[in-house]
């Protein structure tokens, strides 16, 4: 496990193949993470298992992400998931992102998915 980004308001935790991004800005805050050493190669599609949003690392493997309301993000390579995992199954095609805003029920579902990942993917 490593911490490729740490500041007063943001934290990135890398435990391959997972990259988790946390902040303490609170419910009304917004923040960004610029993780130069994300642990992934360049141009890799990642999926945030809490929001089912798909992003792509830059050519150097870096990741820039943004959040509102202090919500965390937990990324895995899109290739690590399959329809049988029942996590973000509608996003397992190329480059889709979830529509609509994040709700408390989505956050709870995301946390349940995170626990499922630990069990099924072996994190």
N, C-alpha and C. Protein backbone atom coordinates (compact mmCIF):
# COMPACT_ATOMS: atom_id res chain seq x y z
N UNK A 1 0.85 -1.16 0.00
CA UNK A 1 0.00 0.00 0.00
C UNK A 1 0.90 1.23 0.00
N UNK A 2 0.48 2.23 -0.79
CA UNK A 2 1.23 3.48 -0.83
C UNK A 2 0.26 4.65 -0.86
N UNK A 3 0.80 5.83 -0.65
CA UNK A 3 0.01 7.05 -0.58
C UNK A 3 0.58 8.04 -1.60
N UNK A 4 0.18 7.94 -2.88
CA UNK A 4 0.79 8.77 -3.91
C UNK A 4 0.42 10.25 -3.83
N UNK A 5 -0.55 10.60 -3.00
CA UNK A 5 -0.93 12.00 -2.83
C UNK A 5 -1.46 12.18 -1.42
N UNK A 6 -0.94 13.16 -0.71
CA UNK A 6 -1.42 13.48 0.63
C UNK A 6 -1.26 14.97 0.85
N UNK A 7 -2.33 15.62 1.26
CA UNK A 7 -2.29 17.04 1.59
C UNK A 7 -3.21 17.26 2.78
N UNK A 8 -3.42 18.50 3.14
CA UNK A 8 -4.30 18.80 4.27
C UNK A 8 -5.74 18.40 4.00
N UNK A 9 -6.14 18.37 2.71
CA UNK A 9 -7.54 18.09 2.39
C UNK A 9 -7.76 16.87 1.52
N UNK A 10 -6.71 16.28 0.97
CA UNK A 10 -6.88 15.13 0.08
C UNK A 10 -5.91 14.02 0.42
N UNK A 11 -6.32 12.80 0.07
CA UNK A 11 -5.50 11.62 0.28
C UNK A 11 -5.79 10.63 -0.83
N UNK A 12 -4.75 10.07 -1.41
CA UNK A 12 -4.88 8.99 -2.39
C UNK A 12 -4.21 7.76 -1.79
N UNK A 13 -4.92 6.64 -1.80
CA UNK A 13 -4.40 5.39 -1.28
C UNK A 13 -4.36 4.39 -2.42
N UNK A 14 -3.18 3.85 -2.70
CA UNK A 14 -3.01 2.88 -3.77
C UNK A 14 -2.71 1.52 -3.17
N UNK A 15 -3.60 0.57 -3.45
CA UNK A 15 -3.38 -0.83 -3.12
C UNK A 15 -3.79 -1.60 -4.37
N UNK A 16 -2.82 -1.79 -5.27
CA UNK A 16 -3.15 -2.35 -6.58
C UNK A 16 -4.02 -3.59 -6.46
N UNK A 17 -5.07 -3.64 -7.30
CA UNK A 17 -5.36 -2.75 -8.43
C UNK A 17 -6.27 -1.56 -8.07
N UNK A 18 -6.45 -1.27 -6.80
CA UNK A 18 -7.38 -0.22 -6.37
C UNK A 18 -6.67 1.09 -6.06
N UNK A 19 -7.29 2.19 -6.49
CA UNK A 19 -6.85 3.53 -6.12
C UNK A 19 -8.05 4.22 -5.49
N UNK A 20 -7.94 4.59 -4.22
CA UNK A 20 -9.03 5.26 -3.51
C UNK A 20 -8.64 6.71 -3.23
N UNK A 21 -9.58 7.61 -3.47
CA UNK A 21 -9.36 9.05 -3.28
C UNK A 21 -10.31 9.55 -2.21
N UNK A 22 -9.76 10.21 -1.19
CA UNK A 22 -10.54 10.70 -0.06
C UNK A 22 -10.28 12.19 0.15
N UNK A 23 -11.25 12.85 0.78
CA UNK A 23 -11.10 14.25 1.12
C UNK A 23 -11.84 14.54 2.41
N UNK A 24 -11.45 15.62 3.06
CA UNK A 24 -12.14 16.03 4.28
C UNK A 24 -12.80 17.40 4.10
N UNK A 25 -13.15 17.77 2.86
CA UNK A 25 -13.73 19.09 2.62
C UNK A 25 -15.16 19.21 3.11
N UNK A 26 -15.83 18.11 3.39
CA UNK A 26 -17.18 18.17 3.93
C UNK A 26 -18.25 18.23 2.87
N UNK A 27 -19.50 18.23 3.34
CA UNK A 27 -20.66 18.10 2.46
C UNK A 27 -20.80 19.24 1.46
N UNK A 28 -20.37 20.43 1.78
CA UNK A 28 -20.52 21.54 0.85
C UNK A 28 -19.31 21.80 0.00
N UNK A 29 -18.25 21.02 0.18
CA UNK A 29 -16.99 21.33 -0.47
C UNK A 29 -16.76 20.60 -1.78
N UNK A 30 -15.87 21.17 -2.57
CA UNK A 30 -15.41 20.52 -3.79
C UNK A 30 -13.89 20.45 -3.73
N UNK A 31 -13.34 19.47 -4.41
CA UNK A 31 -11.89 19.35 -4.44
C UNK A 31 -11.46 18.59 -5.68
N UNK A 32 -10.17 18.59 -5.92
CA UNK A 32 -9.57 17.86 -7.04
C UNK A 32 -8.38 17.07 -6.54
N UNK A 33 -8.12 15.98 -7.22
CA UNK A 33 -6.92 15.20 -6.97
C UNK A 33 -6.13 15.19 -8.27
N UNK A 34 -4.86 15.44 -8.20
CA UNK A 34 -3.95 15.30 -9.33
C UNK A 34 -2.91 14.27 -8.92
N UNK A 35 -3.15 13.04 -9.27
CA UNK A 35 -2.29 11.93 -8.86
C UNK A 35 -1.35 11.61 -10.02
N UNK A 36 -0.12 12.09 -9.91
CA UNK A 36 0.86 11.90 -10.99
C UNK A 36 1.25 10.43 -11.13
N UNK A 37 1.40 9.74 -10.01
CA UNK A 37 1.78 8.31 -10.02
C UNK A 37 0.60 7.50 -9.51
N UNK A 38 -0.36 7.24 -10.42
CA UNK A 38 -1.59 6.56 -10.03
C UNK A 38 -1.41 5.06 -9.85
N UNK A 39 -0.29 4.52 -10.34
CA UNK A 39 -0.09 3.08 -10.28
C UNK A 39 -0.55 2.37 -11.53
N UNK A 40 -1.12 3.11 -12.48
CA UNK A 40 -1.61 2.53 -13.73
C UNK A 40 -0.75 3.01 -14.89
N UNK A 41 -0.77 2.28 -15.96
CA UNK A 41 -0.10 2.69 -17.19
C UNK A 41 -0.87 3.83 -17.84
N UNK A 42 -0.32 4.36 -18.90
CA UNK A 42 -0.99 5.42 -19.63
C UNK A 42 -2.20 4.93 -20.39
N UNK A 43 -3.21 5.79 -20.48
CA UNK A 43 -4.42 5.54 -21.26
C UNK A 43 -5.18 4.28 -20.84
N UNK A 44 -5.28 4.06 -19.53
CA UNK A 44 -6.01 2.92 -18.99
C UNK A 44 -7.38 3.41 -18.52
N UNK A 45 -8.43 2.70 -18.91
CA UNK A 45 -9.77 3.05 -18.45
C UNK A 45 -9.95 2.53 -17.03
N UNK A 46 -10.41 3.44 -16.15
CA UNK A 46 -10.69 3.10 -14.75
C UNK A 46 -12.16 3.36 -14.48
N UNK A 47 -12.73 2.62 -13.56
CA UNK A 47 -14.11 2.85 -13.17
C UNK A 47 -14.18 3.13 -11.68
N UNK A 48 -14.88 4.20 -11.34
CA UNK A 48 -15.15 4.51 -9.93
C UNK A 48 -16.32 3.63 -9.51
N UNK A 49 -16.07 2.66 -8.65
CA UNK A 49 -17.10 1.70 -8.28
C UNK A 49 -18.17 2.29 -7.37
N UNK A 50 -17.98 3.52 -6.91
CA UNK A 50 -19.00 4.17 -6.10
C UNK A 50 -20.00 4.94 -6.95
N UNK A 51 -19.55 5.49 -8.07
CA UNK A 51 -20.45 6.26 -8.94
C UNK A 51 -20.63 5.63 -10.31
N UNK A 52 -19.84 4.62 -10.63
CA UNK A 52 -19.84 3.93 -11.92
C UNK A 52 -19.41 4.85 -13.06
N UNK A 53 -18.61 5.86 -12.76
CA UNK A 53 -18.08 6.75 -13.77
C UNK A 53 -16.77 6.19 -14.30
N UNK A 54 -16.62 6.21 -15.62
CA UNK A 54 -15.40 5.71 -16.26
C UNK A 54 -14.52 6.89 -16.63
N UNK A 55 -13.24 6.81 -16.29
CA UNK A 55 -12.25 7.83 -16.64
C UNK A 55 -11.06 7.11 -17.29
N UNK A 56 -10.17 7.90 -17.88
CA UNK A 56 -8.97 7.34 -18.51
C UNK A 56 -7.75 8.06 -17.97
N UNK A 57 -6.72 7.30 -17.62
CA UNK A 57 -5.47 7.93 -17.17
C UNK A 57 -4.84 8.67 -18.34
N UNK A 58 -4.00 9.65 -18.02
CA UNK A 58 -3.31 10.37 -19.10
C UNK A 58 -2.20 9.49 -19.67
N UNK A 59 -1.48 9.99 -20.64
CA UNK A 59 -0.46 9.18 -21.33
C UNK A 59 0.67 8.72 -20.41
N UNK A 60 0.87 9.43 -19.28
CA UNK A 60 1.90 9.05 -18.32
C UNK A 60 1.37 8.19 -17.18
N UNK A 61 0.06 7.88 -17.20
CA UNK A 61 -0.54 7.09 -16.14
C UNK A 61 -1.09 7.92 -15.00
N UNK A 62 -1.07 9.24 -15.13
CA UNK A 62 -1.61 10.11 -14.10
C UNK A 62 -3.13 10.20 -14.16
N UNK A 63 -3.72 10.63 -13.07
CA UNK A 63 -5.17 10.75 -12.99
C UNK A 63 -5.53 12.07 -12.33
N UNK A 64 -6.43 12.80 -12.97
CA UNK A 64 -7.00 14.00 -12.37
C UNK A 64 -8.48 13.73 -12.16
N UNK A 65 -8.95 13.92 -10.94
CA UNK A 65 -10.35 13.66 -10.61
C UNK A 65 -10.89 14.81 -9.78
N UNK A 66 -12.19 15.00 -9.85
CA UNK A 66 -12.87 16.07 -9.13
C UNK A 66 -14.05 15.48 -8.38
N UNK A 67 -14.39 16.11 -7.26
CA UNK A 67 -15.55 15.66 -6.51
C UNK A 67 -16.29 16.85 -5.92
N UNK A 68 -17.53 16.64 -5.63
CA UNK A 68 -18.31 17.63 -4.91
C UNK A 68 -18.93 16.95 -3.70
N UNK A 69 -19.26 17.73 -2.71
CA UNK A 69 -19.86 17.23 -1.48
C UNK A 69 -18.97 16.27 -0.70
N UNK A 70 -17.68 16.32 -0.95
CA UNK A 70 -16.74 15.51 -0.18
C UNK A 70 -16.81 14.02 -0.42
N UNK A 71 -17.41 13.59 -1.53
CA UNK A 71 -17.58 12.17 -1.78
C UNK A 71 -16.26 11.51 -2.20
N UNK A 72 -15.99 10.32 -1.69
CA UNK A 72 -14.77 9.59 -2.07
C UNK A 72 -14.93 8.99 -3.46
N UNK A 73 -13.83 8.54 -4.02
CA UNK A 73 -13.83 7.82 -5.29
C UNK A 73 -12.93 6.61 -5.13
N UNK A 74 -13.38 5.48 -5.67
CA UNK A 74 -12.61 4.24 -5.58
C UNK A 74 -12.52 3.66 -6.99
N UNK A 75 -11.30 3.67 -7.54
CA UNK A 75 -11.08 3.26 -8.92
C UNK A 75 -10.46 1.88 -9.01
N UNK A 76 -10.94 1.14 -10.02
CA UNK A 76 -10.35 -0.13 -10.44
C UNK A 76 -10.22 -0.10 -11.95
N UNK A 77 -9.29 -0.85 -12.52
CA UNK A 77 -9.25 -0.93 -13.98
C UNK A 77 -10.56 -1.51 -14.48
N UNK A 78 -11.10 -0.92 -15.52
CA UNK A 78 -12.35 -1.42 -16.10
C UNK A 78 -12.20 -2.88 -16.48
N UNK A 79 -11.01 -3.27 -16.90
CA UNK A 79 -10.76 -4.65 -17.30
C UNK A 79 -10.85 -5.64 -16.14
N UNK A 80 -10.78 -5.14 -14.89
CA UNK A 80 -10.84 -6.03 -13.72
C UNK A 80 -12.25 -6.46 -13.39
N UNK A 81 -13.24 -5.77 -13.97
CA UNK A 81 -14.63 -6.09 -13.69
C UNK A 81 -15.24 -6.83 -14.86
N UNK A 82 -16.23 -7.63 -14.55
CA UNK A 82 -17.00 -8.29 -15.59
C UNK A 82 -18.46 -8.25 -15.19
N UNK A 83 -19.33 -8.55 -16.10
CA UNK A 83 -20.76 -8.51 -15.82
C UNK A 83 -21.13 -9.45 -14.67
N UNK A 84 -20.37 -10.50 -14.47
CA UNK A 84 -20.68 -11.44 -13.39
C UNK A 84 -20.42 -10.84 -12.01
N UNK A 85 -19.64 -9.74 -11.92
CA UNK A 85 -19.38 -9.11 -10.64
C UNK A 85 -20.56 -8.31 -10.12
N UNK A 86 -21.51 -7.96 -11.00
CA UNK A 86 -22.71 -7.20 -10.63
C UNK A 86 -22.38 -5.82 -10.08
N UNK A 87 -21.26 -5.26 -10.49
CA UNK A 87 -20.86 -3.92 -10.09
C UNK A 87 -20.79 -3.08 -11.34
N UNK A 88 -21.58 -2.03 -11.40
CA UNK A 88 -21.57 -1.12 -12.55
C UNK A 88 -21.76 -1.88 -13.86
N UNK A 89 -22.64 -2.87 -13.89
CA UNK A 89 -22.77 -3.73 -15.07
C UNK A 89 -23.18 -2.95 -16.31
N UNK A 90 -23.87 -1.83 -16.16
CA UNK A 90 -24.26 -1.03 -17.32
C UNK A 90 -23.09 -0.24 -17.88
N UNK A 91 -21.98 -0.18 -17.19
CA UNK A 91 -20.84 0.62 -17.61
C UNK A 91 -19.67 -0.23 -18.09
N UNK A 92 -19.87 -1.50 -18.28
CA UNK A 92 -18.75 -2.35 -18.66
C UNK A 92 -18.46 -2.32 -20.15
N UNK A 93 -19.21 -1.51 -20.89
CA UNK A 93 -18.89 -1.24 -22.29
C UNK A 93 -17.85 -0.15 -22.34
N UNK A 94 -17.61 0.40 -23.49
CA UNK A 94 -16.55 1.40 -23.64
C UNK A 94 -16.99 2.78 -23.19
N UNK A 95 -16.27 3.34 -22.25
CA UNK A 95 -16.34 4.75 -21.91
C UNK A 95 -17.66 5.34 -21.51
N UNK A 96 -18.52 4.62 -20.85
CA UNK A 96 -19.78 5.17 -20.37
C UNK A 96 -19.60 5.82 -19.02
N UNK A 97 -20.52 6.68 -18.65
CA UNK A 97 -20.49 7.23 -17.30
C UNK A 97 -21.92 7.27 -16.78
N UNK A 98 -22.05 7.22 -15.48
CA UNK A 98 -23.37 7.22 -14.88
C UNK A 98 -24.05 8.55 -15.13
N UNK A 99 -25.35 8.50 -15.28
CA UNK A 99 -26.08 9.75 -15.45
C UNK A 99 -26.75 10.10 -14.13
N UNK A 100 -27.03 11.38 -13.95
CA UNK A 100 -27.69 11.81 -12.72
C UNK A 100 -26.69 12.04 -11.61
N UNK A 101 -27.16 12.61 -10.53
CA UNK A 101 -26.30 12.94 -9.41
C UNK A 101 -26.13 11.77 -8.45
N UNK A 102 -25.23 11.94 -7.52
CA UNK A 102 -24.99 10.93 -6.50
C UNK A 102 -25.96 11.16 -5.36
N UNK A 103 -26.62 10.11 -4.94
CA UNK A 103 -27.57 10.19 -3.85
C UNK A 103 -27.06 9.37 -2.68
N UNK A 104 -27.62 9.57 -1.48
CA UNK A 104 -27.18 8.74 -0.35
C UNK A 104 -27.34 7.25 -0.62
N UNK A 105 -28.40 6.86 -1.31
CA UNK A 105 -28.57 5.43 -1.59
C UNK A 105 -27.48 4.93 -2.54
N UNK A 106 -27.02 5.79 -3.47
CA UNK A 106 -25.94 5.41 -4.35
C UNK A 106 -24.64 5.23 -3.57
N UNK A 107 -24.40 6.11 -2.60
CA UNK A 107 -23.20 5.99 -1.78
C UNK A 107 -23.24 4.70 -0.98
N UNK A 108 -24.38 4.38 -0.38
CA UNK A 108 -24.50 3.13 0.38
C UNK A 108 -24.32 1.92 -0.54
N UNK A 109 -24.90 1.99 -1.74
CA UNK A 109 -24.73 0.90 -2.69
C UNK A 109 -23.26 0.78 -3.08
N UNK A 110 -22.59 1.91 -3.22
CA UNK A 110 -21.18 1.90 -3.56
C UNK A 110 -20.34 1.26 -2.47
N UNK A 111 -20.64 1.59 -1.23
CA UNK A 111 -19.91 0.98 -0.12
C UNK A 111 -20.13 -0.52 -0.07
N UNK A 112 -21.36 -0.95 -0.35
CA UNK A 112 -21.64 -2.38 -0.40
C UNK A 112 -20.86 -3.02 -1.55
N UNK A 113 -20.78 -2.32 -2.68
CA UNK A 113 -20.01 -2.82 -3.81
C UNK A 113 -18.53 -2.94 -3.46
N UNK A 114 -18.04 -1.95 -2.71
CA UNK A 114 -16.64 -1.96 -2.29
C UNK A 114 -16.36 -3.20 -1.44
N UNK A 115 -17.25 -3.52 -0.51
CA UNK A 115 -17.09 -4.72 0.32
C UNK A 115 -17.13 -5.97 -0.56
N UNK A 116 -18.03 -5.97 -1.54
CA UNK A 116 -18.13 -7.10 -2.46
C UNK A 116 -16.83 -7.29 -3.26
N UNK A 117 -16.23 -6.17 -3.66
CA UNK A 117 -14.98 -6.23 -4.41
C UNK A 117 -13.89 -6.91 -3.60
N UNK A 118 -13.79 -6.56 -2.32
CA UNK A 118 -12.79 -7.17 -1.48
C UNK A 118 -12.96 -8.68 -1.46
N UNK A 119 -14.20 -9.13 -1.43
CA UNK A 119 -14.47 -10.55 -1.37
C UNK A 119 -14.26 -11.23 -2.72
N UNK A 120 -14.82 -10.64 -3.80
CA UNK A 120 -14.82 -11.30 -5.11
C UNK A 120 -13.53 -11.08 -5.91
N UNK A 121 -12.98 -9.89 -5.87
CA UNK A 121 -11.80 -9.58 -6.67
C UNK A 121 -10.54 -9.90 -5.90
N UNK A 122 -10.66 -10.00 -4.59
CA UNK A 122 -9.52 -10.38 -3.77
C UNK A 122 -8.60 -9.24 -3.43
N UNK A 123 -9.18 -8.06 -3.19
CA UNK A 123 -8.34 -6.92 -2.83
C UNK A 123 -7.85 -7.05 -1.40
